[in-house]
Amino acid sequence: MSLPTKAEAQTLLETHVRDAYQRHHALMVATAMEGYAPRFGGDPHLWYLTGYLHDVDFEEHPDTHPAESLKWFAEWGYPADLIHAVEAHAYGYHGYATLPKTKLAAALVACDEISGIFYAYRKMNPVRYGEMKASSIKKKLKDPGFAAKIDRSTVALGCEHLGVPIDEHVANLITFFAVLG
């Protein structure tokens, strides 16, 4: 198994992702994934990197994402679990129909889109992530007009495969994201 260090992954991300929001999104998803790893007996480093690099090709290849990153990860010798998770997170997009078969993949699917809800909520209500109210996030999650591009069905799919109810998932993410300020 070949995995970069966090510093090497940051360099890789910065090489391919220039957009500040996308970099922040990568950090949010990585933080959530790392938070979930102990609960499911996962390697925190693998889970962090899966979240951090899941969109590494999105900016350069938006119409085929994550095809390029899947090729890169295979070439670089990244673990099959990471590759599967990144493929599964694209379920329903660009012809991808791979459902999450591992807790790692389910966590990525559950954490990816919902991170955008947290980010959008914080933009409207300048409160620290750890001080957010679960009820407020759940209300925004139910409002299809709020952060309308966020695919709520993907979040539900991820939670279902992860075995974590949405209420618990939101509360967990508030706790995990507290380290981000």
C-alpha atoms as a PDB file:
ATOM      1  CA  MET A   1       0.000   0.000   0.000  1.00  0.00           C
ATOM      2  CA  SER A   2       1.375   3.357  -1.005  1.00  0.00           C
ATOM      3  CA  LEU A   3      -0.015   6.495   0.578  1.00  0.00           C
ATOM      4  CA  PRO A   4       1.385   9.999   0.658  1.00  0.00           C
ATOM      5  CA  THR A   5       1.965  11.854   3.887  1.00  0.00           C
ATOM      6  CA  LYS A   6      -0.469  14.659   4.713  1.00  0.00           C
ATOM      7  CA  ALA A   7       2.139  17.171   3.533  1.00  0.00           C
ATOM      8  CA  GLU A   8       2.612  15.318   0.235  1.00  0.00           C
ATOM      9  CA  ALA A   9      -1.174  15.109  -0.216  1.00  0.00           C
ATOM     10  CA  GLN A  10      -1.443  18.858   0.399  1.00  0.00           C
ATOM     11  CA  THR A  11       1.161  19.511  -2.301  1.00  0.00           C
ATOM     12  CA  LEU A  12      -0.711  17.202  -4.657  1.00  0.00           C
ATOM     13  CA  LEU A  13      -4.022  18.915  -3.940  1.00  0.00           C
ATOM     14  CA  GLU A  14      -2.513  22.380  -4.376  1.00  0.00           C
ATOM     15  CA  THR A  15      -1.050  21.296  -7.733  1.00  0.00           C
ATOM     16  CA  HIS A  16      -4.452  20.300  -9.107  1.00  0.00           C
ATOM     17  CA  VAL A  17      -6.906  22.413  -7.099  1.00  0.00           C
ATOM     18  CA  ARG A  18      -6.551  26.188  -7.146  1.00  0.00           C
ATOM     19  CA  ASP A  19     -10.039  27.166  -5.975  1.00  0.00           C
ATOM     20  CA  ALA A  20     -10.080  28.172  -2.294  1.00  0.00           C
ATOM     21  CA  TYR A  21     -13.548  26.699  -1.700  1.00  0.00           C
ATOM     22  CA  GLN A  22     -12.548  23.334  -3.205  1.00  0.00           C
ATOM     23  CA  ARG A  23      -9.453  23.226  -0.999  1.00  0.00           C
ATOM     24  CA  HIS A  24     -11.556  24.003   2.063  1.00  0.00           C
ATOM     25  CA  HIS A  25     -14.083  21.377   0.987  1.00  0.00           C
ATOM     26  CA  ALA A  26     -11.278  18.806   0.749  1.00  0.00           C
ATOM     27  CA  LEU A  27     -10.173  19.663   4.284  1.00  0.00           C
ATOM     28  CA  MET A  28     -13.749  19.451   5.603  1.00  0.00           C
ATOM     29  CA  VAL A  29     -14.352  16.029   4.079  1.00  0.00           C
ATOM     30  CA  ALA A  30     -10.938  14.778   5.227  1.00  0.00           C
ATOM     31  CA  THR A  31     -11.644  15.971   8.774  1.00  0.00           C
ATOM     32  CA  ALA A  32     -15.022  14.230   8.806  1.00  0.00           C
ATOM     33  CA  MET A  33     -13.535  11.023   7.427  1.00  0.00           C
ATOM     34  CA  GLU A  34     -10.717  11.030   9.964  1.00  0.00           C
ATOM     35  CA  GLY A  35     -13.311  11.571  12.692  1.00  0.00           C
ATOM     36  CA  TYR A  36     -15.305   8.531  11.582  1.00  0.00           C
ATOM     37  CA  ALA A  37     -12.309   6.187  11.147  1.00  0.00           C
ATOM     38  CA  PRO A  38     -12.016   5.041  14.791  1.00  0.00           C
ATOM     39  CA  ARG A  39     -15.726   4.300  15.020  1.00  0.00           C
ATOM     40  CA  PHE A  40     -15.486   1.822  12.139  1.00  0.00           C
ATOM     41  CA  GLY A  41     -12.033   0.417  12.886  1.00  0.00           C
ATOM     42  CA  GLY A  42     -10.477   2.271   9.973  1.00  0.00           C
ATOM     43  CA  ASP A  43      -6.987   3.645   9.514  1.00  0.00           C
ATOM     44  CA  PRO A  44      -7.346   7.377  10.266  1.00  0.00           C
ATOM     45  CA  HIS A  45      -4.610   8.270   7.758  1.00  0.00           C
ATOM     46  CA  LEU A  46      -6.260   6.317   4.928  1.00  0.00           C
ATOM     47  CA  TRP A  47      -9.661   7.761   5.773  1.00  0.00           C
ATOM     48  CA  TYR A  48      -8.256  11.313   5.946  1.00  0.00           C
ATOM     49  CA  LEU A  49      -6.479  10.996   2.588  1.00  0.00           C
ATOM     50  CA  THR A  50      -9.561   9.477   0.955  1.00  0.00           C
ATOM     51  CA  GLY A  51     -11.551  12.538   1.966  1.00  0.00           C
ATOM     52  CA  TYR A  52      -8.774  14.973   1.185  1.00  0.00           C
ATOM     53  CA  LEU A  53      -8.058  13.714  -2.328  1.00  0.00           C
ATOM     54  CA  HIS A  54     -11.543  12.603  -3.412  1.00  0.00           C
ATOM     55  CA  ASP A  55     -12.018  15.622  -5.723  1.00  0.00           C
ATOM     56  CA  VAL A  56      -8.377  16.113  -6.783  1.00  0.00           C
ATOM     57  CA  ASP A  57      -9.288  15.959 -10.501  1.00  0.00           C
ATOM     58  CA  PHE A  58     -12.582  17.864 -10.296  1.00  0.00           C
ATOM     59  CA  GLU A  59     -11.278  21.318 -11.211  1.00  0.00           C
ATOM     60  CA  GLU A  60      -9.263  20.118 -14.212  1.00  0.00           C
ATOM     61  CA  HIS A  61     -11.715  17.434 -15.404  1.00  0.00           C
ATOM     62  CA  PRO A  62     -15.224  18.396 -14.208  1.00  0.00           C
ATOM     63  CA  ASP A  63     -17.028  16.568 -17.013  1.00  0.00           C
ATOM     64  CA  THR A  64     -15.388  13.207 -16.322  1.00  0.00           C
ATOM     65  CA  HIS A  65     -14.646  13.437 -12.587  1.00  0.00           C
ATOM     66  CA  PRO A  66     -13.419  11.194 -10.942  1.00  0.00           C
ATOM     67  CA  ALA A  67     -12.067   9.233 -13.947  1.00  0.00           C
ATOM     68  CA  GLU A  68      -8.634  10.887 -13.986  1.00  0.00           C
ATOM     69  CA  SER A  69      -8.068  10.608 -10.258  1.00  0.00           C
ATOM     70  CA  LEU A  70      -9.049   6.920 -10.339  1.00  0.00           C
ATOM     71  CA  LYS A  71      -6.338   6.355 -12.979  1.00  0.00           C
ATOM     72  CA  TRP A  72      -3.804   8.366 -10.997  1.00  0.00           C
ATOM     73  CA  PHE A  73      -4.560   6.534  -7.752  1.00  0.00           C
ATOM     74  CA  ALA A  74      -4.136   3.147  -9.451  1.00  0.00           C
ATOM     75  CA  GLU A  75      -0.851   4.249 -11.070  1.00  0.00           C
ATOM     76  CA  TRP A  76       0.448   5.552  -7.742  1.00  0.00           C
ATOM     77  CA  GLY A  77      -0.373   2.286  -5.981  1.00  0.00           C
ATOM     78  CA  TYR A  78      -3.053   3.683  -3.686  1.00  0.00           C
ATOM     79  CA  PRO A  79      -5.164   1.061  -1.882  1.00  0.00           C
ATOM     80  CA  ALA A  80      -8.178  -0.468  -3.614  1.00  0.00           C
ATOM     81  CA  ASP A  81     -10.416   0.711  -0.740  1.00  0.00           C
ATOM     82  CA  LEU A  82      -9.522   4.344  -1.438  1.00  0.00           C
ATOM     83  CA  ILE A  83     -10.089   3.880  -5.170  1.00  0.00           C
ATOM     84  CA  HIS A  84     -13.462   2.212  -4.573  1.00  0.00           C
ATOM     85  CA  ALA A  85     -14.531   4.980  -2.188  1.00  0.00           C
ATOM     86  CA  VAL A  86     -13.676   7.732  -4.674  1.00  0.00           C
ATOM     87  CA  GLU A  87     -15.514   5.884  -7.433  1.00  0.00           C
ATOM     88  CA  ALA A  88     -18.557   5.292  -5.192  1.00  0.00           C
ATOM     89  CA  HIS A  89     -18.726   8.955  -4.202  1.00  0.00           C
ATOM     90  CA  ALA A  90     -19.545   9.708  -7.861  1.00  0.00           C
ATOM     91  CA  TYR A  91     -22.627   7.442  -7.798  1.00  0.00           C
ATOM     92  CA  GLY A  92     -25.194   8.846 -10.209  1.00  0.00           C
ATOM     93  CA  TYR A  93     -22.783  11.187 -12.019  1.00  0.00           C
ATOM     94  CA  HIS A  94     -21.046  10.747 -15.372  1.00  0.00           C
ATOM     95  CA  GLY A  95     -22.326   7.176 -15.678  1.00  0.00           C
ATOM     96  CA  TYR A  96     -20.962   5.937 -12.345  1.00  0.00           C
ATOM     97  CA  ALA A  97     -23.199   3.334 -10.719  1.00  0.00           C
ATOM     98  CA  THR A  98     -20.897   1.918  -8.041  1.00  0.00           C
ATOM     99  CA  LEU A  99     -22.612   1.768  -4.671  1.00  0.00           C
ATOM    100  CA  PRO A 100     -20.477   2.016  -1.522  1.00  0.00           C
ATOM    101  CA  LYS A 101     -19.425  -1.487  -0.474  1.00  0.00           C
ATOM    102  CA  THR A 102     -17.192  -0.524   2.451  1.00  0.00           C
ATOM    103  CA  LYS A 103     -17.581   1.736   5.466  1.00  0.00           C
ATOM    104  CA  LEU A 104     -14.828   3.922   3.998  1.00  0.00           C
ATOM    105  CA  ALA A 105     -16.836   4.422   0.808  1.00  0.00           C
ATOM    106  CA  ALA A 106     -20.108   4.926   2.694  1.00  0.00           C
ATOM    107  CA  ALA A 107     -18.496   7.549   4.914  1.00  0.00           C
ATOM    108  CA  LEU A 108     -17.180   9.446   1.895  1.00  0.00           C
ATOM    109  CA  VAL A 109     -20.618   9.416   0.269  1.00  0.00           C
ATOM    110  CA  ALA A 110     -22.239  10.521   3.538  1.00  0.00           C
ATOM    111  CA  CYS A 111     -19.715  13.309   4.241  1.00  0.00           C
ATOM    112  CA  ASP A 112     -19.033  14.792   0.813  1.00  0.00           C
ATOM    113  CA  GLU A 113     -22.225  16.610  -0.148  1.00  0.00           C
ATOM    114  CA  ILE A 114     -23.324  17.513   3.367  1.00  0.00           C
ATOM    115  CA  SER A 115     -20.073  19.406   3.888  1.00  0.00           C
ATOM    116  CA  GLY A 116     -21.445  21.930   1.398  1.00  0.00           C
ATOM    117  CA  ILE A 117     -24.503  22.470   3.612  1.00  0.00           C
ATOM    118  CA  PHE A 118     -22.265  23.237   6.582  1.00  0.00           C
ATOM    119  CA  TYR A 119     -20.126  25.592   4.502  1.00  0.00           C
ATOM    120  CA  ALA A 120     -23.138  27.450   3.055  1.00  0.00           C
ATOM    121  CA  TYR A 121     -24.725  27.722   6.501  1.00  0.00           C
ATOM    122  CA  ARG A 122     -21.540  29.223   7.901  1.00  0.00           C
ATOM    123  CA  LYS A 123     -21.406  31.765   5.062  1.00  0.00           C
ATOM    124  CA  MET A 124     -24.904  32.955   5.991  1.00  0.00           C
ATOM    125  CA  ASN A 125     -24.407  32.682   9.766  1.00  0.00           C
ATOM    126  CA  PRO A 126     -20.827  33.440  10.789  1.00  0.00           C
ATOM    127  CA  VAL A 127     -20.647  30.918  13.594  1.00  0.00           C
ATOM    128  CA  ARG A 128     -17.865  28.438  14.288  1.00  0.00           C
ATOM    129  CA  TYR A 129     -18.555  24.928  12.995  1.00  0.00           C
ATOM    130  CA  GLY A 130     -18.442  23.474  16.505  1.00  0.00           C
ATOM    131  CA  GLU A 131     -21.031  25.995  17.689  1.00  0.00           C
ATOM    132  CA  MET A 132     -23.597  25.134  15.022  1.00  0.00           C
ATOM    133  CA  LYS A 133     -26.919  23.712  16.124  1.00  0.00           C
ATOM    134  CA  ALA A 134     -27.829  20.317  14.695  1.00  0.00           C
ATOM    135  CA  SER A 135     -31.450  21.417  14.358  1.00  0.00           C
ATOM    136  CA  SER A 136     -30.415  24.365  12.176  1.00  0.00           C
ATOM    137  CA  ILE A 137     -28.320  22.181   9.865  1.00  0.00           C
ATOM    138  CA  LYS A 138     -31.107  19.593   9.595  1.00  0.00           C
ATOM    139  CA  LYS A 139     -33.588  22.364   8.744  1.00  0.00           C
ATOM    140  CA  LYS A 140     -31.304  23.596   5.938  1.00  0.00           C
ATOM    141  CA  LEU A 141     -30.780  20.032   4.755  1.00  0.00           C
ATOM    142  CA  LYS A 142     -34.559  19.660   4.363  1.00  0.00           C
ATOM    143  CA  ASP A 143     -34.849  22.955   2.457  1.00  0.00           C
ATOM    144  CA  PRO A 144     -34.162  22.183  -1.226  1.00  0.00           C
ATOM    145  CA  GLY A 145     -33.775  25.893  -1.950  1.00  0.00           C
ATOM    146  CA  PHE A 146     -30.832  26.208   0.429  1.00  0.00           C
ATOM    147  CA  ALA A 147     -27.532  25.278  -1.251  1.00  0.00           C
ATOM    148  CA  ALA A 148     -29.688  23.895  -4.049  1.00  0.00           C
ATOM    149  CA  LYS A 149     -26.830  22.139  -5.855  1.00  0.00           C
ATOM    150  CA  ILE A 150     -26.241  19.826  -2.885  1.00  0.00           C
ATOM    151  CA  ASP A 151     -27.593  16.350  -3.623  1.00  0.00           C
ATOM    152  CA  ARG A 152     -29.475  15.399  -0.478  1.00  0.00           C
ATOM    153  CA  SER A 153     -30.245  11.915  -1.820  1.00  0.00           C
ATOM    154  CA  THR A 154     -26.519  11.162  -1.913  1.00  0.00           C
ATOM    155  CA  VAL A 155     -26.191  12.131   1.747  1.00  0.00           C
ATOM    156  CA  ALA A 156     -29.106   9.804   2.585  1.00  0.00           C
ATOM    157  CA  LEU A 157     -27.540   6.991   0.559  1.00  0.00           C
ATOM    158  CA  GLY A 158     -24.234   7.394   2.380  1.00  0.00           C
ATOM    159  CA  CYS A 159     -25.882   7.461   5.804  1.00  0.00           C
ATOM    160  CA  GLU A 160     -27.890   4.348   4.951  1.00  0.00           C
ATOM    161  CA  HIS A 161     -24.785   2.406   3.896  1.00  0.00           C
ATOM    162  CA  LEU A 162     -22.792   3.765   6.832  1.00  0.00           C
ATOM    163  CA  GLY A 163     -25.537   2.760   9.281  1.00  0.00           C
ATOM    164  CA  VAL A 164     -25.664   6.197  10.884  1.00  0.00           C
ATOM    165  CA  PRO A 165     -29.004   8.042  11.090  1.00  0.00           C
ATOM    166  CA  ILE A 166     -28.945  11.555   9.624  1.00  0.00           C
ATOM    167  CA  ASP A 167     -29.553  13.199  13.031  1.00  0.00           C
ATOM    168  CA  GLU A 168     -26.536  11.428  14.493  1.00  0.00           C
ATOM    169  CA  HIS A 169     -24.499  12.147  11.363  1.00  0.00           C
ATOM    170  CA  VAL A 170     -25.143  15.896  11.621  1.00  0.00           C
ATOM    171  CA  ALA A 171     -24.217  15.888  15.318  1.00  0.00           C
ATOM    172  CA  ASN A 172     -21.037  13.920  14.576  1.00  0.00           C
ATOM    173  CA  LEU A 173     -20.011  16.356  11.852  1.00  0.00           C
ATOM    174  CA  ILE A 174     -20.490  19.348  14.153  1.00  0.00           C
ATOM    175  CA  THR A 175     -18.106  17.657  16.584  1.00  0.00           C
ATOM    176  CA  PHE A 176     -15.596  16.685  13.877  1.00  0.00           C
ATOM    177  CA  PHE A 177     -15.659  20.116  12.195  1.00  0.00           C
ATOM    178  CA  ALA A 178     -15.060  21.956  15.497  1.00  0.00           C
ATOM    179  CA  VAL A 179     -11.304  21.668  14.891  1.00  0.00           C
ATOM    180  CA  LEU A 180     -11.725  23.745  11.705  1.00  0.00           C
ATOM    181  CA  GLY A 181     -12.878  26.800  13.632  1.00  0.00           C
END
